[in-house]
Amino acid sequence: VPENLDFEERFDDIFTKYLDSYTYDEVKTTN
């Protein structure tokens, strides 16, 4: 995701739709 995108809870509705469970394992910066 780009640095200016607030990713927290950004994809939660998609995850709830397609996933039985999900856990955030790691978040790091790159590039």
PDB file of all heavy atoms in Angstrom:
ATOM      1  N   VAL A   1       0.856  -1.196   0.000  1.00  0.00           N
ATOM      2  CA  VAL A   1       0.000   0.000   0.000  1.00  0.00           C
ATOM      3  C   VAL A   1       0.885   1.236   0.000  1.00  0.00           C
ATOM      4  O   VAL A   1       1.995   1.216   0.542  1.00  0.00           O
ATOM      5  CB  VAL A   1      -0.951   0.026   1.217  1.00  0.00           C
ATOM      6  CG1 VAL A   1      -1.890  -1.177   1.195  1.00  0.00           C
ATOM      7  CG2 VAL A   1      -0.168   0.057   2.520  1.00  0.00           C
ATOM      8  N   PRO A   2       0.450   2.324  -0.603  1.00  0.00           N
ATOM      9  CA  PRO A   2       1.240   3.561  -0.582  1.00  0.00           C
ATOM     10  C   PRO A   2       1.292   4.151   0.822  1.00  0.00           C
ATOM     11  O   PRO A   2       0.416   3.892   1.654  1.00  0.00           O
ATOM     12  CB  PRO A   2       0.483   4.474  -1.552  1.00  0.00           C
ATOM     13  CG  PRO A   2      -0.895   3.923  -1.613  1.00  0.00           C
ATOM     14  CD  PRO A   2      -0.776   2.459  -1.401  1.00  0.00           C
ATOM     15  N   GLU A   3       2.322   4.938   1.093  1.00  0.00           N
ATOM     16  CA  GLU A   3       2.535   5.463   2.438  1.00  0.00           C
ATOM     17  C   GLU A   3       1.422   6.411   2.891  1.00  0.00           C
ATOM     18  O   GLU A   3       1.164   6.541   4.087  1.00  0.00           O
ATOM     19  CB  GLU A   3       3.872   6.208   2.495  1.00  0.00           C
ATOM     20  CG  GLU A   3       3.953   7.415   1.554  1.00  0.00           C
ATOM     21  CD  GLU A   3       5.240   8.196   1.748  1.00  0.00           C
ATOM     22  OE1 GLU A   3       5.852   8.056   2.816  1.00  0.00           O
ATOM     23  OE2 GLU A   3       5.615   8.947   0.831  1.00  0.00           O
ATOM     24  N   ASN A   4       0.723   7.037   1.960  1.00  0.00           N
ATOM     25  CA  ASN A   4      -0.326   7.988   2.331  1.00  0.00           C
ATOM     26  C   ASN A   4      -1.694   7.330   2.503  1.00  0.00           C
ATOM     27  O   ASN A   4      -2.691   8.013   2.720  1.00  0.00           O
ATOM     28  CB  ASN A   4      -0.420   9.112   1.292  1.00  0.00           C
ATOM     29  CG  ASN A   4      -0.730   8.583  -0.109  1.00  0.00           C
ATOM     30  OD1 ASN A   4      -0.743   7.374  -0.333  1.00  0.00           O
ATOM     31  ND2 ASN A   4      -0.964   9.502  -1.041  1.00  0.00           N
ATOM     32  N   LEU A   5      -1.747   6.006   2.395  1.00  0.00           N
ATOM     33  CA  LEU A   5      -3.015   5.287   2.533  1.00  0.00           C
ATOM     34  C   LEU A   5      -3.155   4.761   3.960  1.00  0.00           C
ATOM     35  O   LEU A   5      -2.276   4.066   4.456  1.00  0.00           O
ATOM     36  CB  LEU A   5      -3.086   4.124   1.541  1.00  0.00           C
ATOM     37  CG  LEU A   5      -4.352   3.273   1.604  1.00  0.00           C
ATOM     38  CD1 LEU A   5      -5.566   4.081   1.144  1.00  0.00           C
ATOM     39  CD2 LEU A   5      -4.207   2.013   0.752  1.00  0.00           C
ATOM     40  N   ASP A   6      -4.253   5.114   4.613  1.00  0.00           N
ATOM     41  CA  ASP A   6      -4.531   4.616   5.953  1.00  0.00           C
ATOM     42  C   ASP A   6      -5.082   3.191   5.821  1.00  0.00           C
ATOM     43  O   ASP A   6      -6.268   2.986   5.589  1.00  0.00           O
ATOM     44  CB  ASP A   6      -5.537   5.522   6.665  1.00  0.00           C
ATOM     45  CG  ASP A   6      -5.768   5.099   8.113  1.00  0.00           C
ATOM     46  OD1 ASP A   6      -5.053   4.201   8.594  1.00  0.00           O
ATOM     47  OD2 ASP A   6      -6.676   5.661   8.755  1.00  0.00           O
ATOM     48  N   PHE A   7      -4.184   2.202   5.945  1.00  0.00           N
ATOM     49  CA  PHE A   7      -4.577   0.819   5.672  1.00  0.00           C
ATOM     50  C   PHE A   7      -5.312   0.152   6.834  1.00  0.00           C
ATOM     51  O   PHE A   7      -5.909  -0.904   6.659  1.00  0.00           O
ATOM     52  CB  PHE A   7      -3.343  -0.015   5.319  1.00  0.00           C
ATOM     53  CG  PHE A   7      -2.282  -0.041   6.394  1.00  0.00           C
ATOM     54  CD1 PHE A   7      -2.359  -0.931   7.447  1.00  0.00           C
ATOM     55  CD2 PHE A   7      -1.210   0.828   6.336  1.00  0.00           C
ATOM     56  CE1 PHE A   7      -1.381  -0.959   8.426  1.00  0.00           C
ATOM     57  CE2 PHE A   7      -0.227   0.812   7.312  1.00  0.00           C
ATOM     58  CZ  PHE A   7      -0.311  -0.088   8.368  1.00  0.00           C
ATOM     59  N   GLU A   8      -5.265   0.749   8.026  1.00  0.00           N
ATOM     60  CA  GLU A   8      -5.945   0.148   9.168  1.00  0.00           C
ATOM     61  C   GLU A   8      -7.456   0.131   8.938  1.00  0.00           C
ATOM     62  O   GLU A   8      -8.072   1.183   8.710  1.00  0.00           O
ATOM     63  CB  GLU A   8      -5.607   0.893  10.453  1.00  0.00           C
ATOM     64  CG  GLU A   8      -4.134   0.788  10.845  1.00  0.00           C
ATOM     65  CD  GLU A   8      -3.817   1.510  12.144  1.00  0.00           C
ATOM     66  OE1 GLU A   8      -4.587   2.422  12.520  1.00  0.00           O
ATOM     67  OE2 GLU A   8      -2.812   1.151  12.762  1.00  0.00           O
ATOM     68  N   GLU A   9      -8.033  -1.068   8.983  1.00  0.00           N
ATOM     69  CA  GLU A   9      -9.460  -1.318   8.757  1.00  0.00           C
ATOM     70  C   GLU A   9      -9.890  -1.006   7.319  1.00  0.00           C
ATOM     71  O   GLU A   9     -11.080  -1.028   7.011  1.00  0.00           O
ATOM     72  CB  GLU A   9     -10.327  -0.528   9.741  1.00  0.00           C
ATOM     73  CG  GLU A   9     -10.039  -0.852  11.202  1.00  0.00           C
ATOM     74  CD  GLU A   9     -10.947  -0.096  12.135  1.00  0.00           C
ATOM     75  OE1 GLU A   9     -11.783   0.710  11.652  1.00  0.00           O
ATOM     76  OE2 GLU A   9     -10.826  -0.302  13.354  1.00  0.00           O
ATOM     77  N   ARG A  10      -8.923  -0.725   6.458  1.00  0.00           N
ATOM     78  CA  ARG A  10      -9.230  -0.382   5.072  1.00  0.00           C
ATOM     79  C   ARG A  10      -9.791  -1.592   4.308  1.00  0.00           C
ATOM     80  O   ARG A  10     -10.664  -1.447   3.449  1.00  0.00           O
ATOM     81  CB  ARG A  10      -7.954   0.115   4.383  1.00  0.00           C
ATOM     82  CG  ARG A  10      -8.084   0.421   2.899  1.00  0.00           C
ATOM     83  CD  ARG A  10      -8.709   1.761   2.658  1.00  0.00           C
ATOM     84  NE  ARG A  10      -8.712   2.136   1.253  1.00  0.00           N
ATOM     85  CZ  ARG A  10      -9.167   3.285   0.779  1.00  0.00           C
ATOM     86  NH1 ARG A  10      -9.646   4.192   1.616  1.00  0.00           N
ATOM     87  NH2 ARG A  10      -9.124   3.544  -0.501  1.00  0.00           N
ATOM     88  N   PHE A  11      -9.282  -2.780   4.663  1.00  0.00           N
ATOM     89  CA  PHE A  11      -9.673  -3.977   3.915  1.00  0.00           C
ATOM     90  C   PHE A  11     -10.528  -4.940   4.746  1.00  0.00           C
ATOM     91  O   PHE A  11     -10.798  -6.058   4.310  1.00  0.00           O
ATOM     92  CB  PHE A  11      -8.417  -4.726   3.430  1.00  0.00           C
ATOM     93  CG  PHE A  11      -7.441  -3.873   2.686  1.00  0.00           C
ATOM     94  CD1 PHE A  11      -6.297  -3.384   3.298  1.00  0.00           C
ATOM     95  CD2 PHE A  11      -7.666  -3.533   1.355  1.00  0.00           C
ATOM     96  CE1 PHE A  11      -5.386  -2.604   2.611  1.00  0.00           C
ATOM     97  CE2 PHE A  11      -6.764  -2.759   0.649  1.00  0.00           C
ATOM     98  CZ  PHE A  11      -5.620  -2.284   1.283  1.00  0.00           C
ATOM     99  N   ASP A  12     -10.945  -4.524   5.927  1.00  0.00           N
ATOM    100  CA  ASP A  12     -11.629  -5.443   6.833  1.00  0.00           C
ATOM    101  C   ASP A  12     -12.917  -6.011   6.250  1.00  0.00           C
ATOM    102  O   ASP A  12     -13.230  -7.185   6.447  1.00  0.00           O
ATOM    103  CB  ASP A  12     -11.936  -4.745   8.161  1.00  0.00           C
ATOM    104  CG  ASP A  12     -10.679  -4.602   9.023  1.00  0.00           C
ATOM    105  OD1 ASP A  12      -9.596  -5.032   8.562  1.00  0.00           O
ATOM    106  OD2 ASP A  12     -10.777  -4.072  10.146  1.00  0.00           O
ATOM    107  N   ASP A  13     -13.676  -5.200   5.517  1.00  0.00           N
ATOM    108  CA  ASP A  13     -14.935  -5.703   4.948  1.00  0.00           C
ATOM    109  C   ASP A  13     -14.667  -6.768   3.874  1.00  0.00           C
ATOM    110  O   ASP A  13     -15.416  -7.738   3.730  1.00  0.00           O
ATOM    111  CB  ASP A  13     -15.755  -4.559   4.379  1.00  0.00           C
ATOM    112  CG  ASP A  13     -15.004  -3.769   3.310  1.00  0.00           C
ATOM    113  OD1 ASP A  13     -13.765  -3.673   3.408  1.00  0.00           O
ATOM    114  OD2 ASP A  13     -15.657  -3.270   2.373  1.00  0.00           O
ATOM    115  N   ILE A  14     -13.567  -6.595   3.129  1.00  0.00           N
ATOM    116  CA  ILE A  14     -13.194  -7.590   2.120  1.00  0.00           C
ATOM    117  C   ILE A  14     -12.746  -8.887   2.797  1.00  0.00           C
ATOM    118  O   ILE A  14     -13.122  -9.989   2.380  1.00  0.00           O
ATOM    119  CB  ILE A  14     -12.073  -7.052   1.206  1.00  0.00           C
ATOM    120  CG1 ILE A  14     -12.531  -5.782   0.492  1.00  0.00           C
ATOM    121  CG2 ILE A  14     -11.643  -8.120   0.192  1.00  0.00           C
ATOM    122  CD1 ILE A  14     -11.452  -5.133  -0.350  1.00  0.00           C
ATOM    123  N   PHE A  15     -11.951  -8.733   3.854  1.00  0.00           N
ATOM    124  CA  PHE A  15     -11.485  -9.910   4.583  1.00  0.00           C
ATOM    125  C   PHE A  15     -12.658 -10.678   5.178  1.00  0.00           C
ATOM    126  O   PHE A  15     -12.691 -11.911   5.133  1.00  0.00           O
ATOM    127  CB  PHE A  15     -10.513  -9.500   5.689  1.00  0.00           C
ATOM    128  CG  PHE A  15      -9.233  -8.881   5.190  1.00  0.00           C
ATOM    129  CD1 PHE A  15      -8.478  -8.054   6.011  1.00  0.00           C
ATOM    130  CD2 PHE A  15      -8.786  -9.118   3.906  1.00  0.00           C
ATOM    131  CE1 PHE A  15      -7.299  -7.486   5.561  1.00  0.00           C
ATOM    132  CE2 PHE A  15      -7.605  -8.549   3.434  1.00  0.00           C
ATOM    133  CZ  PHE A  15      -6.861  -7.733   4.283  1.00  0.00           C
ATOM    134  N   THR A  16     -13.609  -9.972   5.745  1.00  0.00           N
ATOM    135  CA  THR A  16     -14.782 -10.625   6.335  1.00  0.00           C
ATOM    136  C   THR A  16     -15.588 -11.376   5.280  1.00  0.00           C
ATOM    137  O   THR A  16     -16.159 -12.439   5.554  1.00  0.00           O
ATOM    138  CB  THR A  16     -15.680  -9.586   7.018  1.00  0.00           C
ATOM    139  OG1 THR A  16     -14.921  -8.888   8.020  1.00  0.00           O
ATOM    140  CG2 THR A  16     -16.882 -10.243   7.677  1.00  0.00           C
ATOM    141  N   LYS A  17     -15.599 -10.843   4.074  1.00  0.00           N
ATOM    142  CA  LYS A  17     -16.372 -11.445   2.988  1.00  0.00           C
ATOM    143  C   LYS A  17     -15.745 -12.741   2.477  1.00  0.00           C
ATOM    144  O   LYS A  17     -16.465 -13.716   2.169  1.00  0.00           O
ATOM    145  CB  LYS A  17     -16.486 -10.431   1.841  1.00  0.00           C
ATOM    146  CG  LYS A  17     -17.283 -10.916   0.644  1.00  0.00           C
ATOM    147  CD  LYS A  17     -17.363  -9.810  -0.412  1.00  0.00           C
ATOM    148  CE  LYS A  17     -18.112 -10.289  -1.658  1.00  0.00           C
ATOM    149  NZ  LYS A  17     -18.163  -9.211  -2.701  1.00  0.00           N
ATOM    150  N   TYR A  18     -14.417 -12.783   2.397  1.00  0.00           N
ATOM    151  CA  TYR A  18     -13.742 -13.910   1.750  1.00  0.00           C
ATOM    152  C   TYR A  18     -12.974 -14.824   2.706  1.00  0.00           C
ATOM    153  O   TYR A  18     -12.590 -15.930   2.302  1.00  0.00           O
ATOM    154  CB  TYR A  18     -12.769 -13.403   0.685  1.00  0.00           C
ATOM    155  CG  TYR A  18     -13.432 -12.744  -0.494  1.00  0.00           C
ATOM    156  CD1 TYR A  18     -13.513 -11.361  -0.587  1.00  0.00           C
ATOM    157  CD2 TYR A  18     -13.995 -13.503  -1.518  1.00  0.00           C
ATOM    158  CE1 TYR A  18     -14.125 -10.745  -1.671  1.00  0.00           C
ATOM    159  CE2 TYR A  18     -14.606 -12.898  -2.605  1.00  0.00           C
ATOM    160  CZ  TYR A  18     -14.675 -11.518  -2.670  1.00  0.00           C
ATOM    161  OH  TYR A  18     -15.292 -10.915  -3.754  1.00  0.00           O
ATOM    162  N   LEU A  19     -12.735 -14.396   3.940  1.00  0.00           N
ATOM    163  CA  LEU A  19     -11.869 -15.155   4.835  1.00  0.00           C
ATOM    164  C   LEU A  19     -12.612 -15.653   6.069  1.00  0.00           C
ATOM    165  O   LEU A  19     -13.489 -14.972   6.602  1.00  0.00           O
ATOM    166  CB  LEU A  19     -10.678 -14.289   5.283  1.00  0.00           C
ATOM    167  CG  LEU A  19      -9.816 -13.674   4.176  1.00  0.00           C
ATOM    168  CD1 LEU A  19      -8.744 -12.780   4.787  1.00  0.00           C
ATOM    169  CD2 LEU A  19      -9.183 -14.761   3.312  1.00  0.00           C
ATOM    170  N   ASP A  20     -12.235 -16.837   6.517  1.00  0.00           N
ATOM    171  CA  ASP A  20     -12.749 -17.358   7.784  1.00  0.00           C
ATOM    172  C   ASP A  20     -12.058 -16.679   8.954  1.00  0.00           C
ATOM    173  O   ASP A  20     -12.666 -16.433   9.996  1.00  0.00           O
ATOM    174  CB  ASP A  20     -12.529 -18.876   7.867  1.00  0.00           C
ATOM    175  CG  ASP A  20     -13.666 -19.665   7.240  1.00  0.00           C
ATOM    176  OD1 ASP A  20     -14.796 -19.136   7.199  1.00  0.00           O
ATOM    177  OD2 ASP A  20     -13.435 -20.799   6.773  1.00  0.00           O
ATOM    178  N   SER A  21     -10.765 -16.418   8.801  1.00  0.00           N
ATOM    179  CA  SER A  21     -10.012 -15.738   9.854  1.00  0.00           C
ATOM    180  C   SER A  21      -8.798 -15.049   9.235  1.00  0.00           C
ATOM    181  O   SER A  21      -8.323 -15.447   8.170  1.00  0.00           O
ATOM    182  CB  SER A  21      -9.557 -16.731  10.932  1.00  0.00           C
ATOM    183  OG  SER A  21      -8.624 -17.649  10.409  1.00  0.00           O
ATOM    184  N   TYR A  22      -8.331 -14.017   9.909  1.00  0.00           N
ATOM    185  CA  TYR A  22      -7.120 -13.320   9.458  1.00  0.00           C
ATOM    186  C   TYR A  22      -6.481 -12.618  10.646  1.00  0.00           C
ATOM    187  O   TYR A  22      -7.163 -12.113  11.543  1.00  0.00           O
ATOM    188  CB  TYR A  22      -7.439 -12.316   8.343  1.00  0.00           C
ATOM    189  CG  TYR A  22      -8.371 -11.192   8.746  1.00  0.00           C
ATOM    190  CD1 TYR A  22      -7.869  -9.964   9.193  1.00  0.00           C
ATOM    191  CD2 TYR A  22      -9.752 -11.348   8.672  1.00  0.00           C
ATOM    192  CE1 TYR A  22      -8.720  -8.935   9.559  1.00  0.00           C
ATOM    193  CE2 TYR A  22     -10.609 -10.321   9.034  1.00  0.00           C
ATOM    194  CZ  TYR A  22     -10.091  -9.115   9.477  1.00  0.00           C
ATOM    195  OH  TYR A  22     -10.937  -8.096   9.855  1.00  0.00           O
ATOM    196  N   THR A  23      -5.160 -12.612  10.652  1.00  0.00           N
ATOM    197  CA  THR A  23      -4.403 -11.914  11.687  1.00  0.00           C
ATOM    198  C   THR A  23      -3.237 -11.182  11.033  1.00  0.00           C
ATOM    199  O   THR A  23      -2.584 -11.734  10.142  1.00  0.00           O
ATOM    200  CB  THR A  23      -3.846 -12.886  12.747  1.00  0.00           C
ATOM    201  OG1 THR A  23      -3.077 -13.913  12.104  1.00  0.00           O
ATOM    202  CG2 THR A  23      -4.970 -13.535  13.537  1.00  0.00           C
ATOM    203  N   TYR A  24      -3.000  -9.953  11.491  1.00  0.00           N
ATOM    204  CA  TYR A  24      -1.875  -9.177  10.974  1.00  0.00           C
ATOM    205  C   TYR A  24      -0.587  -9.741  11.568  1.00  0.00           C
ATOM    206  O   TYR A  24      -0.399  -9.749  12.788  1.00  0.00           O
ATOM    207  CB  TYR A  24      -2.033  -7.705  11.317  1.00  0.00           C
ATOM    208  CG  TYR A  24      -3.061  -6.991  10.471  1.00  0.00           C
ATOM    209  CD1 TYR A  24      -4.417  -7.011  10.814  1.00  0.00           C
ATOM    210  CD2 TYR A  24      -2.685  -6.297   9.327  1.00  0.00           C
ATOM    211  CE1 TYR A  24      -5.362  -6.369  10.029  1.00  0.00           C
ATOM    212  CE2 TYR A  24      -3.622  -5.654   8.544  1.00  0.00           C
ATOM    213  CZ  TYR A  24      -4.961  -5.684   8.895  1.00  0.00           C
ATOM    214  OH  TYR A  24      -5.892  -5.041   8.115  1.00  0.00           O
ATOM    215  N   ASP A  25       0.283 -10.218  10.694  1.00  0.00           N
ATOM    216  CA  ASP A  25       1.522 -10.848  11.136  1.00  0.00           C
ATOM    217  C   ASP A  25       2.681  -9.856  11.163  1.00  0.00           C
ATOM    218  O   ASP A  25       3.518  -9.877  12.055  1.00  0.00           O
ATOM    219  CB  ASP A  25       1.852 -12.019  10.211  1.00  0.00           C
ATOM    220  CG  ASP A  25       2.968 -12.884  10.750  1.00  0.00           C
ATOM    221  OD1 ASP A  25       2.956 -13.145  11.965  1.00  0.00           O
ATOM    222  OD2 ASP A  25       3.842 -13.310   9.967  1.00  0.00           O
ATOM    223  N   GLU A  26       2.744  -8.971  10.161  1.00  0.00           N
ATOM    224  CA  GLU A  26       3.862  -8.030  10.068  1.00  0.00           C
ATOM    225  C   GLU A  26       3.472  -6.845   9.194  1.00  0.00           C
ATOM    226  O   GLU A  26       2.759  -6.993   8.200  1.00  0.00           O
ATOM    227  CB  GLU A  26       5.089  -8.734   9.484  1.00  0.00           C
ATOM    228  CG  GLU A  26       6.318  -7.856   9.378  1.00  0.00           C
ATOM    229  CD  GLU A  26       7.496  -8.571   8.739  1.00  0.00           C
ATOM    230  OE1 GLU A  26       7.260  -9.374   7.810  1.00  0.00           O
ATOM    231  OE2 GLU A  26       8.635  -8.328   9.149  1.00  0.00           O
ATOM    232  N   VAL A  27       3.919  -5.669   9.593  1.00  0.00           N
ATOM    233  CA  VAL A  27       3.773  -4.459   8.779  1.00  0.00           C
ATOM    234  C   VAL A  27       5.134  -3.775   8.744  1.00  0.00           C
ATOM    235  O   VAL A  27       5.723  -3.490   9.789  1.00  0.00           O
ATOM    236  CB  VAL A  27       2.721  -3.485   9.362  1.00  0.00           C
ATOM    237  CG1 VAL A  27       2.647  -2.227   8.505  1.00  0.00           C
ATOM    238  CG2 VAL A  27       1.357  -4.156   9.446  1.00  0.00           C
ATOM    239  N   LYS A  28       5.659  -3.523   7.539  1.00  0.00           N
ATOM    240  CA  LYS A  28       6.958  -2.864   7.442  1.00  0.00           C
ATOM    241  C   LYS A  28       6.988  -1.946   6.231  1.00  0.00           C
ATOM    242  O   LYS A  28       6.205  -2.103   5.287  1.00  0.00           O
ATOM    243  CB  LYS A  28       8.077  -3.895   7.360  1.00  0.00           C
ATOM    244  CG  LYS A  28       8.097  -4.709   6.077  1.00  0.00           C
ATOM    245  CD  LYS A  28       9.302  -5.645   6.071  1.00  0.00           C
ATOM    246  CE  LYS A  28       9.384  -6.430   4.756  1.00  0.00           C
ATOM    247  NZ  LYS A  28      10.561  -7.329   4.736  1.00  0.00           N
ATOM    248  N   THR A  29       7.908  -0.999   6.275  1.00  0.00           N
ATOM    249  CA  THR A  29       8.067  -0.072   5.155  1.00  0.00           C
ATOM    250  C   THR A  29       9.039  -0.662   4.143  1.00  0.00           C
ATOM    251  O   THR A  29       9.905  -1.473   4.477  1.00  0.00           O
ATOM    252  CB  THR A  29       8.604   1.284   5.645  1.00  0.00           C
ATOM    253  OG1 THR A  29       9.873   1.085   6.295  1.00  0.00           O
ATOM    254  CG2 THR A  29       7.637   1.943   6.613  1.00  0.00           C
ATOM    255  N   THR A  30       8.893  -0.248   2.891  1.00  0.00           N
ATOM    256  CA  THR A  30       9.780  -0.720   1.833  1.00  0.00           C
ATOM    257  C   THR A  30       9.905   0.366   0.779  1.00  0.00           C
ATOM    258  O   THR A  30       9.190   1.379   0.832  1.00  0.00           O
ATOM    259  CB  THR A  30       9.244  -2.021   1.203  1.00  0.00           C
ATOM    260  OG1 THR A  30      10.203  -2.506   0.262  1.00  0.00           O
ATOM    261  CG2 THR A  30       7.915  -1.801   0.525  1.00  0.00           C
ATOM    262  N   ASN A  31      10.807   0.172  -0.163  1.00  0.00           N
ATOM    263  CA  ASN A  31      11.031   1.130  -1.244  1.00  0.00           C
ATOM    264  C   ASN A  31      11.315   2.531  -0.696  1.00  0.00           C
ATOM    265  O   ASN A  31      10.672   3.513  -1.066  1.00  0.00           O
ATOM    266  CB  ASN A  31       9.817   1.158  -2.187  1.00  0.00           C
ATOM    267  CG  ASN A  31      10.152   1.780  -3.530  1.00  0.00           C
ATOM    268  OD1 ASN A  31      11.299   1.784  -3.964  1.00  0.00           O
ATOM    269  ND2 ASN A  31       9.135   2.333  -4.189  1.00  0.00           N
TER     270      ASN A  31
END
